[in-house]
Amino acid sequence: MSAPALNPAAAPSLADFASFYLYGLTDNPYQQSTAIEQFGQLYDLVIGAHGGVSLGSSFHPYQLVSPAGVTVWYAAYAQLYAQPDRAALFGAMADEQARFLVAPPASFSAFHVWPDARLTSAENPVFSHYIPFVLPFLVRKGPAPLRWDAELAAADGDADRLRPYLDAVNQAIRFVQPAPAFVLGFGEFDEQQPAQLIERFMDCRAMLIS
């Protein structure tokens, strides 16, 4: 699932960014929003003091990669790279932890089932009722810990201590993923091993069918 190369002149490469995501379950995975303020609040709550990009949509996992192997994270990077003032935009991410919102191309509305089809209803009917969704973030790499990681570390494995934070995250997604959607966790997408994302949903399958 490789993406086409871009000329890196005057801009950082995609390797200077990390492809993070919230993941959860919903009744409608593909939903869009242009609510800049709410996306900013969600970014602060989950990512924290890092520049980066929110994508103005939630997705089913099988919408994250095009047939050509381009991911939604790469598409977000390419949209910023295409701007005439890209050097200033990327510089603001690094120097000022600036955050931006981009609308992903409409082509990502299409489903493209991966060779690993375990999230289809044919393979696992439970995922026709509890439908997987992903909220992507493209984050400029930096030394500061992610807010999500810091909150998990502070809770030190205590679910009760972590609960207020998770409740806040679930509340913060309501503008783009209204109830009954709920967040299961947070991860980093590895386009060389996309099945890792599927495993995160499979890990909760037993809970859903019990």
N, C-alpha and C. Protein backbone atom coordinates (compact mmCIF):
# COMPACT_ATOMS: atom_id res chain seq x y z
N MET A 1 0.84 -1.19 0.00
CA MET A 1 0.00 0.00 0.00
C MET A 1 0.87 1.24 0.00
N SER A 2 1.68 1.39 -1.02
CA SER A 2 2.60 2.52 -1.08
C SER A 2 1.94 3.68 -1.81
N ALA A 3 2.40 4.91 -1.48
CA ALA A 3 1.86 6.11 -2.08
C ALA A 3 2.86 6.68 -3.07
N PRO A 4 2.39 7.44 -4.05
CA PRO A 4 3.31 8.05 -5.00
C PRO A 4 4.20 9.07 -4.31
N ALA A 5 5.40 9.26 -4.86
CA ALA A 5 6.37 10.16 -4.25
C ALA A 5 6.04 11.61 -4.58
N LEU A 6 6.38 12.51 -3.66
CA LEU A 6 6.26 13.94 -3.89
C LEU A 6 7.65 14.55 -3.81
N ASN A 7 7.85 15.63 -4.53
CA ASN A 7 9.09 16.38 -4.42
C ASN A 7 9.16 17.02 -3.04
N PRO A 8 10.14 16.68 -2.21
CA PRO A 8 10.14 17.17 -0.84
C PRO A 8 10.66 18.58 -0.67
N ALA A 9 11.00 19.29 -1.76
CA ALA A 9 11.58 20.62 -1.64
C ALA A 9 10.64 21.54 -0.88
N ALA A 10 11.21 22.30 0.04
CA ALA A 10 10.50 23.34 0.80
C ALA A 10 9.41 22.78 1.71
N ALA A 11 9.44 21.52 1.99
CA ALA A 11 8.43 20.94 2.88
C ALA A 11 8.99 19.67 3.51
N PRO A 12 8.53 19.35 4.71
CA PRO A 12 8.92 18.07 5.31
C PRO A 12 8.30 16.92 4.52
N SER A 13 8.87 15.76 4.66
CA SER A 13 8.32 14.59 3.99
C SER A 13 7.24 13.96 4.86
N LEU A 14 6.53 13.01 4.28
CA LEU A 14 5.51 12.31 5.04
C LEU A 14 6.12 11.56 6.22
N ALA A 15 7.40 11.22 6.11
CA ALA A 15 8.08 10.52 7.20
C ALA A 15 8.21 11.39 8.45
N ASP A 16 8.02 12.70 8.30
CA ASP A 16 8.07 13.60 9.45
C ASP A 16 6.74 13.66 10.20
N PHE A 17 5.78 12.89 9.74
CA PHE A 17 4.45 12.86 10.33
C PHE A 17 4.10 11.44 10.77
N ALA A 18 3.19 11.35 11.71
CA ALA A 18 2.66 10.06 12.15
C ALA A 18 1.16 10.01 11.84
N SER A 19 0.70 8.84 11.47
CA SER A 19 -0.70 8.64 11.08
C SER A 19 -1.46 8.00 12.24
N PHE A 20 -2.08 8.83 13.06
CA PHE A 20 -2.80 8.35 14.23
C PHE A 20 -4.30 8.29 13.95
N TYR A 21 -5.01 7.62 14.86
CA TYR A 21 -6.46 7.54 14.71
C TYR A 21 -7.11 7.16 16.04
N LEU A 22 -8.31 7.67 16.22
CA LEU A 22 -9.25 7.11 17.19
C LEU A 22 -10.04 6.04 16.47
N TYR A 23 -10.40 4.99 17.17
CA TYR A 23 -11.25 3.97 16.55
C TYR A 23 -12.36 3.58 17.52
N GLY A 24 -13.49 3.20 16.93
CA GLY A 24 -14.62 2.84 17.75
C GLY A 24 -15.70 2.17 16.93
N LEU A 25 -16.91 2.15 17.48
CA LEU A 25 -18.04 1.49 16.85
C LEU A 25 -19.21 2.46 16.74
N THR A 26 -20.01 2.30 15.69
CA THR A 26 -21.07 3.24 15.39
C THR A 26 -22.14 2.55 14.57
N ASP A 27 -23.18 3.30 14.20
CA ASP A 27 -24.16 2.78 13.25
C ASP A 27 -24.00 3.42 11.87
N ASN A 28 -23.07 4.39 11.75
CA ASN A 28 -22.84 5.07 10.47
C ASN A 28 -21.40 5.59 10.44
N PRO A 29 -20.47 4.84 9.87
CA PRO A 29 -19.06 5.21 9.99
C PRO A 29 -18.62 6.40 9.17
N TYR A 30 -19.25 6.64 8.03
CA TYR A 30 -18.77 7.69 7.13
C TYR A 30 -19.60 8.95 7.32
N GLN A 31 -19.07 9.88 8.13
CA GLN A 31 -19.77 11.13 8.40
C GLN A 31 -18.77 12.29 8.34
N GLN A 32 -19.23 13.42 7.80
CA GLN A 32 -18.36 14.57 7.59
C GLN A 32 -18.77 15.75 8.47
N SER A 33 -17.80 16.63 8.70
CA SER A 33 -18.07 17.86 9.43
C SER A 33 -17.04 18.91 9.02
N THR A 34 -17.47 20.17 9.03
CA THR A 34 -16.56 21.30 8.79
C THR A 34 -16.40 22.14 10.05
N ALA A 35 -16.72 21.57 11.20
CA ALA A 35 -16.70 22.30 12.47
C ALA A 35 -15.26 22.45 12.96
N ILE A 36 -14.62 23.54 12.54
CA ILE A 36 -13.20 23.74 12.84
C ILE A 36 -12.95 23.78 14.34
N GLU A 37 -13.79 24.49 15.07
CA GLU A 37 -13.57 24.63 16.51
C GLU A 37 -13.66 23.28 17.21
N GLN A 38 -14.67 22.49 16.85
CA GLN A 38 -14.83 21.18 17.50
C GLN A 38 -13.71 20.22 17.13
N PHE A 39 -13.26 20.27 15.87
CA PHE A 39 -12.12 19.44 15.50
C PHE A 39 -10.87 19.87 16.28
N GLY A 40 -10.71 21.17 16.47
CA GLY A 40 -9.58 21.66 17.25
C GLY A 40 -9.63 21.18 18.69
N GLN A 41 -10.81 21.21 19.28
CA GLN A 41 -10.96 20.73 20.66
C GLN A 41 -10.66 19.24 20.76
N LEU A 42 -11.14 18.47 19.79
CA LEU A 42 -10.87 17.04 19.79
C LEU A 42 -9.38 16.77 19.62
N TYR A 43 -8.75 17.51 18.73
CA TYR A 43 -7.31 17.36 18.50
C TYR A 43 -6.54 17.65 19.79
N ASP A 44 -6.88 18.73 20.46
CA ASP A 44 -6.21 19.06 21.72
C ASP A 44 -6.39 17.96 22.76
N LEU A 45 -7.58 17.40 22.79
CA LEU A 45 -7.91 16.40 23.80
C LEU A 45 -7.18 15.08 23.55
N VAL A 46 -6.97 14.74 22.29
CA VAL A 46 -6.39 13.45 21.95
C VAL A 46 -4.90 13.54 21.63
N ILE A 47 -4.51 14.57 20.88
CA ILE A 47 -3.12 14.70 20.42
C ILE A 47 -2.31 15.62 21.32
N GLY A 48 -2.85 16.80 21.63
CA GLY A 48 -2.14 17.73 22.50
C GLY A 48 -1.19 18.63 21.74
N ALA A 49 -0.01 18.88 22.32
CA ALA A 49 0.91 19.92 21.85
C ALA A 49 1.76 19.46 20.66
N HIS A 50 1.11 19.16 19.57
CA HIS A 50 1.78 18.80 18.33
C HIS A 50 1.03 19.47 17.18
N GLY A 51 1.76 20.03 16.23
CA GLY A 51 1.11 20.51 15.03
C GLY A 51 0.60 19.35 14.20
N GLY A 52 -0.41 19.63 13.38
CA GLY A 52 -0.91 18.55 12.55
C GLY A 52 -2.22 18.88 11.87
N VAL A 53 -2.90 17.83 11.46
CA VAL A 53 -4.08 17.96 10.62
C VAL A 53 -5.18 17.04 11.12
N SER A 54 -6.38 17.58 11.23
CA SER A 54 -7.57 16.76 11.39
C SER A 54 -8.21 16.59 10.02
N LEU A 55 -8.73 15.42 9.75
CA LEU A 55 -9.46 15.18 8.51
C LEU A 55 -10.94 15.31 8.81
N GLY A 56 -11.65 16.05 7.98
CA GLY A 56 -13.03 16.40 8.28
C GLY A 56 -14.03 15.29 8.03
N SER A 57 -13.70 14.08 8.44
CA SER A 57 -14.59 12.95 8.22
C SER A 57 -14.18 11.80 9.12
N SER A 58 -15.15 10.98 9.44
CA SER A 58 -14.86 9.66 10.00
C SER A 58 -15.04 8.65 8.88
N PHE A 59 -14.42 7.49 9.03
CA PHE A 59 -14.39 6.51 7.96
C PHE A 59 -14.59 5.10 8.51
N HIS A 60 -15.09 4.23 7.65
CA HIS A 60 -14.94 2.80 7.90
C HIS A 60 -13.49 2.45 7.57
N PRO A 61 -12.89 1.49 8.27
CA PRO A 61 -11.50 1.12 7.94
C PRO A 61 -11.27 0.81 6.47
N TYR A 62 -12.27 0.24 5.79
CA TYR A 62 -12.08 -0.10 4.39
C TYR A 62 -12.24 1.10 3.45
N GLN A 63 -12.37 2.29 4.03
CA GLN A 63 -12.34 3.52 3.24
C GLN A 63 -11.01 4.27 3.39
N LEU A 64 -10.11 3.75 4.18
CA LEU A 64 -8.89 4.49 4.51
C LEU A 64 -7.81 4.42 3.44
N VAL A 65 -7.90 3.44 2.56
CA VAL A 65 -6.86 3.23 1.54
C VAL A 65 -7.53 3.08 0.18
N SER A 66 -7.08 3.87 -0.78
CA SER A 66 -7.64 3.81 -2.13
C SER A 66 -7.14 2.57 -2.86
N PRO A 67 -7.77 2.22 -3.99
CA PRO A 67 -7.27 1.07 -4.77
C PRO A 67 -5.83 1.25 -5.22
N ALA A 68 -5.38 2.51 -5.35
CA ALA A 68 -3.99 2.77 -5.76
C ALA A 68 -3.02 2.70 -4.59
N GLY A 69 -3.54 2.47 -3.38
CA GLY A 69 -2.67 2.37 -2.21
C GLY A 69 -2.43 3.68 -1.49
N VAL A 70 -3.17 4.72 -1.83
CA VAL A 70 -3.02 6.02 -1.17
C VAL A 70 -3.91 6.05 0.07
N THR A 71 -3.34 6.43 1.20
CA THR A 71 -4.11 6.50 2.44
C THR A 71 -4.72 7.88 2.62
N VAL A 72 -5.71 7.98 3.49
CA VAL A 72 -6.31 9.28 3.78
C VAL A 72 -5.29 10.21 4.43
N TRP A 73 -4.33 9.65 5.16
CA TRP A 73 -3.29 10.49 5.78
C TRP A 73 -2.38 11.09 4.71
N TYR A 74 -2.01 10.28 3.73
CA TYR A 74 -1.20 10.81 2.63
C TYR A 74 -1.98 11.87 1.87
N ALA A 75 -3.27 11.63 1.65
CA ALA A 75 -4.09 12.61 0.93
C ALA A 75 -4.12 13.94 1.67
N ALA A 76 -4.18 13.90 3.01
CA ALA A 76 -4.16 15.13 3.79
C ALA A 76 -2.83 15.85 3.63
N TYR A 77 -1.74 15.09 3.70
CA TYR A 77 -0.42 15.69 3.50
C TYR A 77 -0.32 16.32 2.11
N ALA A 78 -0.80 15.61 1.10
CA ALA A 78 -0.71 16.10 -0.28
C ALA A 78 -1.53 17.38 -0.47
N GLN A 79 -2.67 17.48 0.22
CA GLN A 79 -3.48 18.69 0.11
C GLN A 79 -2.74 19.91 0.66
N LEU A 80 -2.05 19.74 1.76
CA LEU A 80 -1.27 20.86 2.30
C LEU A 80 -0.06 21.15 1.41
N TYR A 81 0.57 20.10 0.92
CA TYR A 81 1.74 20.28 0.06
C TYR A 81 1.38 21.06 -1.20
N ALA A 82 0.15 20.89 -1.67
CA ALA A 82 -0.28 21.54 -2.91
C ALA A 82 -0.53 23.04 -2.74
N GLN A 83 -0.56 23.52 -1.50
CA GLN A 83 -0.82 24.94 -1.28
C GLN A 83 0.41 25.78 -1.63
N PRO A 84 0.21 26.95 -2.25
CA PRO A 84 1.35 27.81 -2.59
C PRO A 84 2.18 28.21 -1.37
N ASP A 85 1.54 28.34 -0.22
CA ASP A 85 2.25 28.74 0.99
C ASP A 85 2.60 27.55 1.87
N ARG A 86 2.87 26.40 1.24
CA ARG A 86 3.09 25.17 2.01
C ARG A 86 4.25 25.30 2.99
N ALA A 87 5.29 26.05 2.62
CA ALA A 87 6.44 26.18 3.53
C ALA A 87 6.00 26.83 4.83
N ALA A 88 5.14 27.85 4.74
CA ALA A 88 4.65 28.53 5.94
C ALA A 88 3.73 27.62 6.74
N LEU A 89 2.88 26.86 6.05
CA LEU A 89 1.96 25.96 6.74
C LEU A 89 2.72 24.89 7.51
N PHE A 90 3.65 24.24 6.84
CA PHE A 90 4.42 23.19 7.51
C PHE A 90 5.31 23.78 8.61
N GLY A 91 5.84 24.97 8.36
CA GLY A 91 6.65 25.62 9.38
C GLY A 91 5.85 25.94 10.63
N ALA A 92 4.61 26.39 10.44
CA ALA A 92 3.76 26.70 11.59
C ALA A 92 3.44 25.46 12.41
N MET A 93 3.31 24.33 11.74
CA MET A 93 3.08 23.08 12.48
C MET A 93 4.25 22.77 13.40
N ALA A 94 5.46 22.97 12.90
CA ALA A 94 6.65 22.63 13.68
C ALA A 94 6.94 23.67 14.75
N ASP A 95 6.79 24.94 14.41
CA ASP A 95 7.22 26.02 15.31
C ASP A 95 6.14 26.47 16.28
N GLU A 96 4.89 26.38 15.85
CA GLU A 96 3.78 26.92 16.65
C GLU A 96 2.75 25.87 17.01
N GLN A 97 3.02 24.60 16.67
CA GLN A 97 2.06 23.52 16.88
C GLN A 97 0.71 23.84 16.25
N ALA A 98 0.74 24.47 15.07
CA ALA A 98 -0.50 24.84 14.38
C ALA A 98 -1.25 23.59 13.95
N ARG A 99 -2.58 23.71 13.95
CA ARG A 99 -3.45 22.60 13.55
C ARG A 99 -4.33 23.08 12.40
N PHE A 100 -4.57 22.19 11.46
CA PHE A 100 -5.37 22.51 10.30
C PHE A 100 -6.44 21.44 10.11
N LEU A 101 -7.47 21.82 9.38
CA LEU A 101 -8.56 20.90 9.04
C LEU A 101 -8.64 20.81 7.53
N VAL A 102 -8.63 19.59 7.00
CA VAL A 102 -8.78 19.40 5.56
C VAL A 102 -9.95 18.45 5.30
N ALA A 103 -10.61 18.68 4.17
CA ALA A 103 -11.68 17.78 3.73
C ALA A 103 -11.07 16.72 2.83
N PRO A 104 -11.20 15.46 3.17
CA PRO A 104 -10.61 14.41 2.33
C PRO A 104 -11.30 14.34 0.98
N PRO A 105 -10.60 13.92 -0.06
CA PRO A 105 -11.22 13.77 -1.38
C PRO A 105 -12.44 12.86 -1.33
N ALA A 106 -13.43 13.19 -2.14
CA ALA A 106 -14.66 12.40 -2.15
C ALA A 106 -14.43 10.96 -2.57
N SER A 107 -13.31 10.70 -3.24
CA SER A 107 -13.03 9.33 -3.68
C SER A 107 -12.91 8.37 -2.50
N PHE A 108 -12.61 8.89 -1.32
CA PHE A 108 -12.48 8.02 -0.15
C PHE A 108 -13.84 7.62 0.43
N SER A 109 -14.91 8.05 -0.20
CA SER A 109 -16.23 7.59 0.24
C SER A 109 -16.48 6.14 -0.17
N ALA A 110 -15.72 5.66 -1.14
CA ALA A 110 -15.92 4.30 -1.64
C ALA A 110 -15.25 3.28 -0.72
N PHE A 111 -15.90 2.13 -0.58
CA PHE A 111 -15.32 1.02 0.18
C PHE A 111 -14.40 0.20 -0.72
N HIS A 112 -13.25 -0.16 -0.17
CA HIS A 112 -12.32 -1.05 -0.87
C HIS A 112 -11.86 -2.08 0.16
N VAL A 113 -12.50 -3.23 0.12
CA VAL A 113 -12.20 -4.26 1.12
C VAL A 113 -10.78 -4.77 0.91
N TRP A 114 -10.03 -4.84 1.99
CA TRP A 114 -8.65 -5.31 1.95
C TRP A 114 -8.63 -6.83 1.80
N PRO A 115 -7.47 -7.38 1.50
CA PRO A 115 -7.37 -8.85 1.52
C PRO A 115 -7.82 -9.45 2.85
N ASP A 116 -7.59 -8.72 3.93
CA ASP A 116 -8.10 -9.13 5.24
C ASP A 116 -9.52 -8.58 5.37
N ALA A 117 -10.50 -9.44 5.17
CA ALA A 117 -11.90 -9.02 5.09
C ALA A 117 -12.67 -9.27 6.38
N ARG A 118 -11.98 -9.39 7.50
CA ARG A 118 -12.65 -9.78 8.74
C ARG A 118 -13.63 -8.74 9.27
N LEU A 119 -13.56 -7.51 8.81
CA LEU A 119 -14.50 -6.50 9.28
C LEU A 119 -15.76 -6.42 8.43
N THR A 120 -15.89 -7.27 7.43
CA THR A 120 -17.12 -7.31 6.64
C THR A 120 -18.19 -8.10 7.39
N SER A 121 -19.44 -7.79 7.09
CA SER A 121 -20.54 -8.51 7.75
C SER A 121 -20.58 -9.97 7.32
N ALA A 122 -20.08 -10.26 6.12
CA ALA A 122 -20.06 -11.66 5.67
C ALA A 122 -19.11 -12.49 6.53
N GLU A 123 -17.98 -11.90 6.90
CA GLU A 123 -17.00 -12.61 7.73
C GLU A 123 -17.40 -12.61 9.20
N ASN A 124 -17.92 -11.48 9.66
CA ASN A 124 -18.30 -11.32 11.05
C ASN A 124 -19.59 -10.50 11.13
N PRO A 125 -20.74 -11.17 11.17
CA PRO A 125 -22.02 -10.45 11.16
C PRO A 125 -22.16 -9.40 12.26
N VAL A 126 -21.44 -9.56 13.37
CA VAL A 126 -21.56 -8.58 14.46
C VAL A 126 -21.18 -7.18 13.99
N PHE A 127 -20.31 -7.09 12.98
CA PHE A 127 -19.87 -5.78 12.50
C PHE A 127 -20.86 -5.14 11.53
N SER A 128 -22.02 -5.78 11.34
CA SER A 128 -23.10 -5.10 10.63
C SER A 128 -23.98 -4.31 11.59
N HIS A 129 -23.88 -4.64 12.86
CA HIS A 129 -24.63 -3.92 13.90
C HIS A 129 -23.73 -2.93 14.63
N TYR A 130 -22.58 -3.41 15.04
CA TYR A 130 -21.56 -2.54 15.63
C TYR A 130 -20.53 -2.29 14.53
N ILE A 131 -20.68 -1.17 13.84
CA ILE A 131 -19.87 -0.93 12.64
C ILE A 131 -18.60 -0.16 13.01
N PRO A 132 -17.44 -0.64 12.60
CA PRO A 132 -16.19 0.05 12.92
C PRO A 132 -16.11 1.43 12.28
N PHE A 133 -15.53 2.38 13.02
CA PHE A 133 -15.20 3.69 12.44
C PHE A 133 -13.82 4.11 12.92
N VAL A 134 -13.23 5.03 12.15
CA VAL A 134 -11.92 5.58 12.44
C VAL A 134 -11.97 7.09 12.24
N LEU A 135 -11.35 7.84 13.15
CA LEU A 135 -11.16 9.28 13.00
C LEU A 135 -9.66 9.53 12.89
N PRO A 136 -9.17 9.94 11.71
CA PRO A 136 -7.72 10.06 11.50
C PRO A 136 -7.16 11.43 11.90
N PHE A 137 -5.89 11.41 12.30
CA PHE A 137 -5.11 12.62 12.58
C PHE A 137 -3.73 12.44 11.96
N LEU A 138 -3.28 13.44 11.21
CA LEU A 138 -1.92 13.46 10.69
C LEU A 138 -1.11 14.40 11.57
N VAL A 139 -0.11 13.88 12.27
CA VAL A 139 0.54 14.62 13.35
C VAL A 139 2.03 14.80 13.06
N ARG A 140 2.49 16.05 13.15
CA ARG A 140 3.91 16.33 13.00
C ARG A 140 4.65 15.73 14.20
N LYS A 141 5.66 14.94 13.92
CA LYS A 141 6.39 14.28 14.99
C LYS A 141 7.15 15.30 15.84
N GLY A 142 7.19 15.05 17.14
CA GLY A 142 7.89 15.93 18.06
C GLY A 142 8.14 15.22 19.37
N PRO A 143 8.92 15.85 20.25
CA PRO A 143 9.32 15.18 21.50
C PRO A 143 8.22 15.09 22.55
N ALA A 144 7.24 15.96 22.50
CA ALA A 144 6.22 15.96 23.55
C ALA A 144 5.36 14.71 23.46
N PRO A 145 4.93 14.17 24.60
CA PRO A 145 4.04 13.00 24.55
C PRO A 145 2.67 13.38 24.00
N LEU A 146 2.02 12.43 23.40
CA LEU A 146 0.64 12.64 22.98
C LEU A 146 -0.24 12.74 24.21
N ARG A 147 -1.29 13.53 24.11
CA ARG A 147 -2.21 13.68 25.25
C ARG A 147 -2.82 12.33 25.63
N TRP A 148 -3.20 11.53 24.64
CA TRP A 148 -3.79 10.21 24.92
C TRP A 148 -2.82 9.37 25.74
N ASP A 149 -1.56 9.33 25.31
CA ASP A 149 -0.56 8.52 26.01
C ASP A 149 -0.33 9.03 27.43
N ALA A 150 -0.32 10.36 27.58
CA ALA A 150 -0.10 10.94 28.89
C ALA A 150 -1.24 10.60 29.85
N GLU A 151 -2.47 10.63 29.34
CA GLU A 151 -3.62 10.30 30.18
C GLU A 151 -3.60 8.82 30.59
N LEU A 152 -3.22 7.95 29.65
CA LEU A 152 -3.12 6.53 29.99
C LEU A 152 -2.04 6.29 31.04
N ALA A 153 -0.92 6.98 30.88
CA ALA A 153 0.17 6.81 31.84
C ALA A 153 -0.25 7.31 33.22
N ALA A 154 -0.97 8.43 33.26
CA ALA A 154 -1.40 8.99 34.54
C ALA A 154 -2.39 8.07 35.24
N ALA A 155 -3.22 7.37 34.46
CA ALA A 155 -4.20 6.45 35.05
C ALA A 155 -3.54 5.19 35.60
N ASP A 156 -2.36 4.86 35.07
CA ASP A 156 -1.56 3.74 35.58
C ASP A 156 -2.37 2.44 35.65
N GLY A 157 -3.14 2.19 34.59
CA GLY A 157 -3.88 0.94 34.52
C GLY A 157 -5.18 0.91 35.29
N ASP A 158 -5.54 2.01 35.93
CA ASP A 158 -6.77 2.08 36.73
C ASP A 158 -7.91 2.58 35.83
N ALA A 159 -8.83 1.69 35.49
CA ALA A 159 -9.93 2.04 34.59
C ALA A 159 -10.80 3.15 35.15
N ASP A 160 -10.99 3.18 36.46
CA ASP A 160 -11.82 4.22 37.06
C ASP A 160 -11.18 5.60 36.93
N ARG A 161 -9.86 5.65 37.04
CA ARG A 161 -9.16 6.93 36.89
C ARG A 161 -9.17 7.40 35.44
N LEU A 162 -9.17 6.45 34.51
CA LEU A 162 -9.16 6.81 33.09
C LEU A 162 -10.54 7.18 32.58
N ARG A 163 -11.59 6.72 33.25
CA ARG A 163 -12.95 6.87 32.75
C ARG A 163 -13.34 8.32 32.45
N PRO A 164 -13.05 9.30 33.32
CA PRO A 164 -13.45 10.68 32.99
C PRO A 164 -12.83 11.18 31.68
N TYR A 165 -11.59 10.78 31.43
CA TYR A 165 -10.95 11.19 30.18
C TYR A 165 -11.64 10.54 28.98
N LEU A 166 -11.90 9.24 29.05
CA LEU A 166 -12.57 8.56 27.94
C LEU A 166 -13.97 9.12 27.72
N ASP A 167 -14.65 9.46 28.81
CA ASP A 167 -15.98 10.07 28.67
C ASP A 167 -15.87 11.41 27.94
N ALA A 168 -14.82 12.18 28.24
CA ALA A 168 -14.63 13.46 27.58
C ALA A 168 -14.35 13.27 26.09
N VAL A 169 -13.56 12.25 25.74
CA VAL A 169 -13.29 11.97 24.33
C VAL A 169 -14.57 11.57 23.61
N ASN A 170 -15.35 10.70 24.23
CA ASN A 170 -16.61 10.29 23.61
C ASN A 170 -17.55 11.47 23.41
N GLN A 171 -17.57 12.37 24.36
CA GLN A 171 -18.41 13.56 24.22
C GLN A 171 -17.88 14.46 23.10
N ALA A 172 -16.56 14.53 22.97
CA ALA A 172 -15.94 15.43 21.99
C ALA A 172 -16.14 14.98 20.55
N ILE A 173 -16.44 13.70 20.32
CA ILE A 173 -16.64 13.24 18.94
C ILE A 173 -18.08 13.40 18.47
N ARG A 174 -18.98 13.83 19.34
CA ARG A 174 -20.40 13.82 19.02
C ARG A 174 -20.75 14.69 17.81
N PHE A 175 -19.96 15.71 17.52
CA PHE A 175 -20.27 16.59 16.39
C PHE A 175 -20.08 15.88 15.05
N VAL A 176 -19.26 14.82 15.03
CA VAL A 176 -19.02 14.09 13.79
C VAL A 176 -19.45 12.62 13.90
N GLN A 177 -19.48 12.10 15.11
CA GLN A 177 -19.97 10.74 15.35
C GLN A 177 -20.94 10.78 16.53
N PRO A 178 -22.20 11.09 16.25
CA PRO A 178 -23.19 11.17 17.34
C PRO A 178 -23.49 9.80 17.94
N ALA A 179 -24.12 9.81 19.10
CA ALA A 179 -24.55 8.57 19.74
C ALA A 179 -25.41 7.78 18.75
N PRO A 180 -25.24 6.46 18.75
CA PRO A 180 -24.64 5.61 19.78
C PRO A 180 -23.15 5.31 19.60
N ALA A 181 -22.44 6.08 18.78
CA ALA A 181 -21.02 5.82 18.56
C ALA A 181 -20.25 5.92 19.87
N PHE A 182 -19.21 5.10 19.98
CA PHE A 182 -18.32 5.21 21.14
C PHE A 182 -16.92 4.79 20.75
N VAL A 183 -15.95 5.37 21.44
CA VAL A 183 -14.53 5.14 21.15
C VAL A 183 -14.04 3.90 21.90
N LEU A 184 -13.29 3.08 21.18
CA LEU A 184 -12.65 1.92 21.79
C LEU A 184 -11.20 2.19 22.16
N GLY A 185 -10.52 3.03 21.37
CA GLY A 185 -9.11 3.26 21.65
C GLY A 185 -8.47 4.17 20.63
N PHE A 186 -7.14 4.14 20.63
CA PHE A 186 -6.32 5.05 19.84
C PHE A 186 -5.13 4.26 19.32
N GLY A 187 -4.70 4.55 18.09
CA GLY A 187 -3.57 3.81 17.54
C GLY A 187 -2.86 4.58 16.46
N GLU A 188 -1.80 3.97 15.94
CA GLU A 188 -1.04 4.53 14.83
C GLU A 188 -1.14 3.58 13.65
N PHE A 189 -1.49 4.12 12.50
CA PHE A 189 -1.66 3.30 11.30
C PHE A 189 -0.31 3.02 10.66
N ASP A 190 -0.06 1.76 10.38
CA ASP A 190 1.15 1.32 9.70
C ASP A 190 0.72 0.78 8.34
N GLU A 191 1.01 1.53 7.28
CA GLU A 191 0.53 1.10 5.97
C GLU A 191 1.24 -0.16 5.48
N GLN A 192 2.34 -0.53 6.12
CA GLN A 192 2.98 -1.80 5.79
C GLN A 192 2.30 -2.97 6.49
N GLN A 193 1.57 -2.67 7.55
CA GLN A 193 0.87 -3.71 8.30
C GLN A 193 -0.55 -3.23 8.65
N PRO A 194 -1.38 -3.00 7.65
CA PRO A 194 -2.72 -2.46 7.91
C PRO A 194 -3.60 -3.39 8.75
N ALA A 195 -3.28 -4.68 8.73
CA ALA A 195 -4.09 -5.62 9.50
C ALA A 195 -4.02 -5.36 10.99
N GLN A 196 -3.02 -4.60 11.44
CA GLN A 196 -2.96 -4.25 12.86
C GLN A 196 -4.21 -3.47 13.28
N LEU A 197 -4.72 -2.64 12.38
CA LEU A 197 -5.95 -1.91 12.68
C LEU A 197 -7.12 -2.87 12.81
N ILE A 198 -7.20 -3.83 11.92
CA ILE A 198 -8.29 -4.80 11.99
C ILE A 198 -8.21 -5.60 13.29
N GLU A 199 -7.01 -5.93 13.71
CA GLU A 199 -6.85 -6.68 14.96
C GLU A 199 -7.42 -5.93 16.15
N ARG A 200 -7.34 -4.61 16.12
CA ARG A 200 -7.88 -3.83 17.24
C ARG A 200 -9.39 -4.05 17.37
N PHE A 201 -10.07 -4.13 16.25
CA PHE A 201 -11.51 -4.40 16.30
C PHE A 201 -11.78 -5.86 16.65
N MET A 202 -10.97 -6.74 16.12
CA MET A 202 -11.18 -8.16 16.43
C MET A 202 -10.95 -8.44 17.91
N ASP A 203 -10.09 -7.66 18.54
CA ASP A 203 -9.84 -7.85 19.97
C ASP A 203 -11.09 -7.62 20.81
N CYS A 204 -12.04 -6.83 20.29
CA CYS A 204 -13.25 -6.55 21.06
C CYS A 204 -14.45 -7.37 20.58
N ARG A 205 -14.23 -8.22 19.58
CA ARG A 205 -15.34 -8.98 19.01
C ARG A 205 -16.04 -9.85 20.05
N ALA A 206 -15.26 -10.53 20.88
CA ALA A 206 -15.86 -11.42 21.88
C ALA A 206 -16.78 -10.65 22.82
N MET A 207 -16.38 -9.43 23.17
CA MET A 207 -17.22 -8.60 24.05
C MET A 207 -18.55 -8.28 23.38
N LEU A 208 -18.53 -8.07 22.06
CA LEU A 208 -19.73 -7.66 21.35
C LEU A 208 -20.73 -8.79 21.18
N ILE A 209 -20.25 -10.02 21.11
CA ILE A 209 -21.16 -11.15 20.87
C ILE A 209 -21.49 -11.91 22.14
N SER A 210 -20.94 -11.47 23.26
CA SER A 210 -21.20 -12.20 24.52
C SER A 210 -22.57 -11.82 25.09
